[in-house]
Amino acid sequence: MFRRNQTTPTPTPSTPEQPEAIAINLDELAALERALLEADRLRRHWMDGPPRFGQVLLTVHDVMAMLYQRAGAASVVQPDPQRARLPLYRHEIKWLADAIICMERHYAREGLLSEARQLHNRFNALLGQAHAITHMGGTPVFVPEFPQLPEGA
């Protein structure tokens, strides 16, 4: 027998999943910069040419420029430097992991390798605390936390 009015369900288009981001402070940004620049220095000394990051082949200076652009946008959202947080995506943590491997292989300066390892452990611990992100002029920032008004106000 034929069945009338039986339609196959059409798949609904899924919304693109926003990548997970952790909140890092300005001190962690400075430590990340030290680790990436040390790995860049070692790679230039031991290999030919600068290292490239990601699918678009960014240099370490491109990466740092992008992160400092986020820091500038974070300072607009939260003017207090002690409370300012900037997003670091899950896939960007791999840049630090790659820098640690380079620093282990090519004898990094004393103290920088242990600092980079501690930072990497901290970033991995923060991965369970993803935050909502918005964009300001194409730059990702965290949604500002507004204070709760007392009831009846």
C-alpha atoms as a PDB file:
ATOM      1  CA  MET A   1       0.000   0.000   0.000  1.00  0.00           C
ATOM      2  CA  PHE A   2       0.929   3.555  -0.555  1.00  0.00           C
ATOM      3  CA  ARG A   3       1.268   5.899   2.341  1.00  0.00           C
ATOM      4  CA  ARG A   4       0.253   9.437   1.738  1.00  0.00           C
ATOM      5  CA  ASN A   5       1.644  12.528   3.359  1.00  0.00           C
ATOM      6  CA  GLN A   6       4.643  10.728   4.717  1.00  0.00           C
ATOM      7  CA  THR A   7       7.633  12.915   4.194  1.00  0.00           C
ATOM      8  CA  THR A   8      11.163  12.232   5.121  1.00  0.00           C
ATOM      9  CA  PRO A   9      12.463  14.703   7.633  1.00  0.00           C
ATOM     10  CA  THR A  10      14.864  17.194   6.196  1.00  0.00           C
ATOM     11  CA  PRO A  11      17.964  17.770   8.226  1.00  0.00           C
ATOM     12  CA  THR A  12      18.033  21.153   9.862  1.00  0.00           C
ATOM     13  CA  PRO A  13      21.199  23.081   9.232  1.00  0.00           C
ATOM     14  CA  SER A  14      23.285  23.131  12.342  1.00  0.00           C
ATOM     15  CA  THR A  15      24.713  26.367  13.568  1.00  0.00           C
ATOM     16  CA  PRO A  16      28.469  26.477  13.298  1.00  0.00           C
ATOM     17  CA  GLU A  17      29.979  25.618  16.636  1.00  0.00           C
ATOM     18  CA  GLN A  18      31.972  28.416  18.147  1.00  0.00           C
ATOM     19  CA  PRO A  19      35.463  27.315  19.114  1.00  0.00           C
ATOM     20  CA  GLU A  20      36.222  27.016  22.806  1.00  0.00           C
ATOM     21  CA  ALA A  21      38.290  29.797  24.330  1.00  0.00           C
ATOM     22  CA  ILE A  22      39.929  30.165  27.701  1.00  0.00           C
ATOM     23  CA  ALA A  23      40.475  33.440  29.517  1.00  0.00           C
ATOM     24  CA  ILE A  24      44.104  34.420  30.015  1.00  0.00           C
ATOM     25  CA  ASN A  25      45.372  37.471  31.841  1.00  0.00           C
ATOM     26  CA  LEU A  26      48.076  39.901  30.756  1.00  0.00           C
ATOM     27  CA  ASP A  27      50.794  38.169  32.807  1.00  0.00           C
ATOM     28  CA  GLU A  28      50.022  34.880  31.063  1.00  0.00           C
ATOM     29  CA  LEU A  29      50.117  36.692  27.726  1.00  0.00           C
ATOM     30  CA  ALA A  30      53.601  37.999  28.563  1.00  0.00           C
ATOM     31  CA  ALA A  31      54.749  34.485  29.560  1.00  0.00           C
ATOM     32  CA  LEU A  32      53.301  33.081  26.325  1.00  0.00           C
ATOM     33  CA  GLU A  33      55.156  35.754  24.365  1.00  0.00           C
ATOM     34  CA  ARG A  34      58.449  34.862  26.084  1.00  0.00           C
ATOM     35  CA  ALA A  35      57.982  31.177  25.267  1.00  0.00           C
ATOM     36  CA  LEU A  36      57.049  31.764  21.618  1.00  0.00           C
ATOM     37  CA  LEU A  37      59.903  34.216  21.063  1.00  0.00           C
ATOM     38  CA  GLU A  38      62.420  31.856  22.687  1.00  0.00           C
ATOM     39  CA  ALA A  39      61.250  28.984  20.483  1.00  0.00           C
ATOM     40  CA  ASP A  40      61.452  31.293  17.460  1.00  0.00           C
ATOM     41  CA  ARG A  41      65.007  32.292  18.399  1.00  0.00           C
ATOM     42  CA  LEU A  42      66.025  28.639  18.762  1.00  0.00           C
ATOM     43  CA  ARG A  43      64.396  27.609  15.490  1.00  0.00           C
ATOM     44  CA  ARG A  44      66.139  30.411  13.612  1.00  0.00           C
ATOM     45  CA  HIS A  45      69.458  29.378  15.114  1.00  0.00           C
ATOM     46  CA  TRP A  46      69.079  25.638  14.480  1.00  0.00           C
ATOM     47  CA  MET A  47      66.928  25.607  11.330  1.00  0.00           C
ATOM     48  CA  ASP A  48      66.450  27.571   8.156  1.00  0.00           C
ATOM     49  CA  GLY A  49      63.676  30.132   8.176  1.00  0.00           C
ATOM     50  CA  PRO A  50      61.074  31.170  10.702  1.00  0.00           C
ATOM     51  CA  PRO A  51      58.441  28.732  12.020  1.00  0.00           C
ATOM     52  CA  ARG A  52      54.882  28.996  10.760  1.00  0.00           C
ATOM     53  CA  PHE A  53      51.697  28.582  12.789  1.00  0.00           C
ATOM     54  CA  GLY A  54      48.291  27.308  11.744  1.00  0.00           C
ATOM     55  CA  GLN A  55      46.799  26.777   8.329  1.00  0.00           C
ATOM     56  CA  VAL A  56      47.452  30.330   7.174  1.00  0.00           C
ATOM     57  CA  LEU A  57      51.169  30.085   8.045  1.00  0.00           C
ATOM     58  CA  LEU A  58      51.492  32.894  10.554  1.00  0.00           C
ATOM     59  CA  THR A  59      54.887  33.897  11.890  1.00  0.00           C
ATOM     60  CA  VAL A  60      55.456  34.326  15.621  1.00  0.00           C
ATOM     61  CA  HIS A  61      55.216  38.091  15.152  1.00  0.00           C
ATOM     62  CA  ASP A  62      51.845  37.707  13.400  1.00  0.00           C
ATOM     63  CA  VAL A  63      50.619  35.552  16.289  1.00  0.00           C
ATOM     64  CA  MET A  64      51.773  38.057  18.901  1.00  0.00           C
ATOM     65  CA  ALA A  65      50.237  40.966  16.966  1.00  0.00           C
ATOM     66  CA  MET A  66      46.916  39.117  16.887  1.00  0.00           C
ATOM     67  CA  LEU A  67      47.080  38.372  20.641  1.00  0.00           C
ATOM     68  CA  TYR A  68      47.984  41.965  21.511  1.00  0.00           C
ATOM     69  CA  GLN A  69      45.098  43.168  19.359  1.00  0.00           C
ATOM     70  CA  ARG A  70      42.840  40.984  21.533  1.00  0.00           C
ATOM     71  CA  ALA A  71      44.481  42.482  24.635  1.00  0.00           C
ATOM     72  CA  GLY A  72      43.649  45.960  23.365  1.00  0.00           C
ATOM     73  CA  ALA A  73      40.031  44.999  22.793  1.00  0.00           C
ATOM     74  CA  ALA A  74      39.927  43.357  26.246  1.00  0.00           C
ATOM     75  CA  SER A  75      41.129  46.611  27.787  1.00  0.00           C
ATOM     76  CA  VAL A  76      38.145  48.390  26.257  1.00  0.00           C
ATOM     77  CA  VAL A  77      35.746  45.853  27.767  1.00  0.00           C
ATOM     78  CA  GLN A  78      37.553  45.799  31.145  1.00  0.00           C
ATOM     79  CA  PRO A  79      39.737  48.883  31.756  1.00  0.00           C
ATOM     80  CA  ASP A  80      41.305  47.430  34.939  1.00  0.00           C
ATOM     81  CA  PRO A  81      44.491  45.612  33.755  1.00  0.00           C
ATOM     82  CA  GLN A  82      44.328  43.225  36.719  1.00  0.00           C
ATOM     83  CA  ARG A  83      40.875  42.022  35.671  1.00  0.00           C
ATOM     84  CA  ALA A  84      41.274  42.143  31.879  1.00  0.00           C
ATOM     85  CA  ARG A  85      41.023  38.737  30.190  1.00  0.00           C
ATOM     86  CA  LEU A  86      41.596  37.902  26.573  1.00  0.00           C
ATOM     87  CA  PRO A  87      40.462  34.799  24.708  1.00  0.00           C
ATOM     88  CA  LEU A  88      42.877  32.079  23.667  1.00  0.00           C
ATOM     89  CA  TYR A  89      41.272  29.401  21.519  1.00  0.00           C
ATOM     90  CA  ARG A  90      41.794  25.697  22.141  1.00  0.00           C
ATOM     91  CA  HIS A  91      43.697  25.216  18.885  1.00  0.00           C
ATOM     92  CA  GLU A  92      46.032  28.111  19.738  1.00  0.00           C
ATOM     93  CA  ILE A  93      47.295  26.305  22.846  1.00  0.00           C
ATOM     94  CA  LYS A  94      49.077  23.979  20.414  1.00  0.00           C
ATOM     95  CA  TRP A  95      51.399  26.876  19.566  1.00  0.00           C
ATOM     96  CA  LEU A  96      52.701  26.769  23.122  1.00  0.00           C
ATOM     97  CA  ALA A  97      53.016  22.972  23.017  1.00  0.00           C
ATOM     98  CA  ASP A  98      55.077  23.237  19.817  1.00  0.00           C
ATOM     99  CA  ALA A  99      57.262  25.903  21.423  1.00  0.00           C
ATOM    100  CA  ILE A 100      57.891  23.630  24.419  1.00  0.00           C
ATOM    101  CA  ILE A 101      58.986  20.792  22.134  1.00  0.00           C
ATOM    102  CA  CYS A 102      61.377  23.138  20.340  1.00  0.00           C
ATOM    103  CA  MET A 103      62.723  24.444  23.646  1.00  0.00           C
ATOM    104  CA  GLU A 104      63.329  20.886  24.868  1.00  0.00           C
ATOM    105  CA  ARG A 105      65.179  19.886  21.712  1.00  0.00           C
ATOM    106  CA  HIS A 106      67.371  22.956  21.348  1.00  0.00           C
ATOM    107  CA  TYR A 107      68.331  23.851  24.918  1.00  0.00           C
ATOM    108  CA  ALA A 108      66.236  26.854  25.877  1.00  0.00           C
ATOM    109  CA  ARG A 109      67.422  29.509  28.289  1.00  0.00           C
ATOM    110  CA  GLU A 110      67.263  28.522  31.934  1.00  0.00           C
ATOM    111  CA  GLY A 111      63.855  29.027  33.508  1.00  0.00           C
ATOM    112  CA  LEU A 112      61.944  29.640  30.285  1.00  0.00           C
ATOM    113  CA  LEU A 113      61.209  25.966  29.677  1.00  0.00           C
ATOM    114  CA  SER A 114      59.779  25.400  33.164  1.00  0.00           C
ATOM    115  CA  GLU A 115      57.737  28.598  32.892  1.00  0.00           C
ATOM    116  CA  ALA A 116      56.353  27.444  29.532  1.00  0.00           C
ATOM    117  CA  ARG A 117      55.447  24.015  30.941  1.00  0.00           C
ATOM    118  CA  GLN A 118      53.633  25.568  33.904  1.00  0.00           C
ATOM    119  CA  LEU A 119      51.767  27.886  31.553  1.00  0.00           C
ATOM    120  CA  HIS A 120      50.780  24.960  29.319  1.00  0.00           C
ATOM    121  CA  ASN A 121      49.488  23.040  32.349  1.00  0.00           C
ATOM    122  CA  ARG A 122      47.473  26.093  33.408  1.00  0.00           C
ATOM    123  CA  PHE A 123      45.964  26.494  29.943  1.00  0.00           C
ATOM    124  CA  ASN A 124      44.967  22.822  29.871  1.00  0.00           C
ATOM    125  CA  ALA A 125      43.367  23.169  33.306  1.00  0.00           C
ATOM    126  CA  LEU A 126      41.367  26.166  32.061  1.00  0.00           C
ATOM    127  CA  LEU A 127      39.966  24.262  29.060  1.00  0.00           C
ATOM    128  CA  GLY A 128      36.991  23.115  31.111  1.00  0.00           C
ATOM    129  CA  GLN A 129      35.942  26.726  31.678  1.00  0.00           C
ATOM    130  CA  ALA A 130      34.902  27.947  28.243  1.00  0.00           C
ATOM    131  CA  HIS A 131      33.439  31.459  28.062  1.00  0.00           C
ATOM    132  CA  ALA A 132      31.029  33.267  25.768  1.00  0.00           C
ATOM    133  CA  ILE A 133      32.772  35.393  23.169  1.00  0.00           C
ATOM    134  CA  THR A 134      31.650  38.350  21.122  1.00  0.00           C
ATOM    135  CA  HIS A 135      33.533  40.261  18.458  1.00  0.00           C
ATOM    136  CA  MET A 136      34.494  43.926  18.428  1.00  0.00           C
ATOM    137  CA  GLY A 137      35.449  44.946  14.933  1.00  0.00           C
ATOM    138  CA  GLY A 138      36.418  41.371  14.121  1.00  0.00           C
ATOM    139  CA  THR A 139      38.505  40.941  17.279  1.00  0.00           C
ATOM    140  CA  PRO A 140      37.255  38.311  19.743  1.00  0.00           C
ATOM    141  CA  VAL A 141      36.578  39.525  23.295  1.00  0.00           C
ATOM    142  CA  PHE A 142      34.733  38.112  26.264  1.00  0.00           C
ATOM    143  CA  VAL A 143      31.220  39.218  26.996  1.00  0.00           C
ATOM    144  CA  PRO A 144      31.473  41.826  29.760  1.00  0.00           C
ATOM    145  CA  GLU A 145      30.222  40.762  33.150  1.00  0.00           C
ATOM    146  CA  PHE A 146      27.613  43.213  34.328  1.00  0.00           C
ATOM    147  CA  PRO A 147      26.974  43.478  38.068  1.00  0.00           C
ATOM    148  CA  GLN A 148      23.661  42.083  39.247  1.00  0.00           C
ATOM    149  CA  LEU A 149      21.233  44.741  40.376  1.00  0.00           C
ATOM    150  CA  PRO A 150      19.592  44.171  43.749  1.00  0.00           C
ATOM    151  CA  GLU A 151      16.002  42.999  43.589  1.00  0.00           C
ATOM    152  CA  GLY A 152      13.480  45.795  43.562  1.00  0.00           C
ATOM    153  CA  ALA A 153      15.904  48.303  42.046  1.00  0.00           C
END
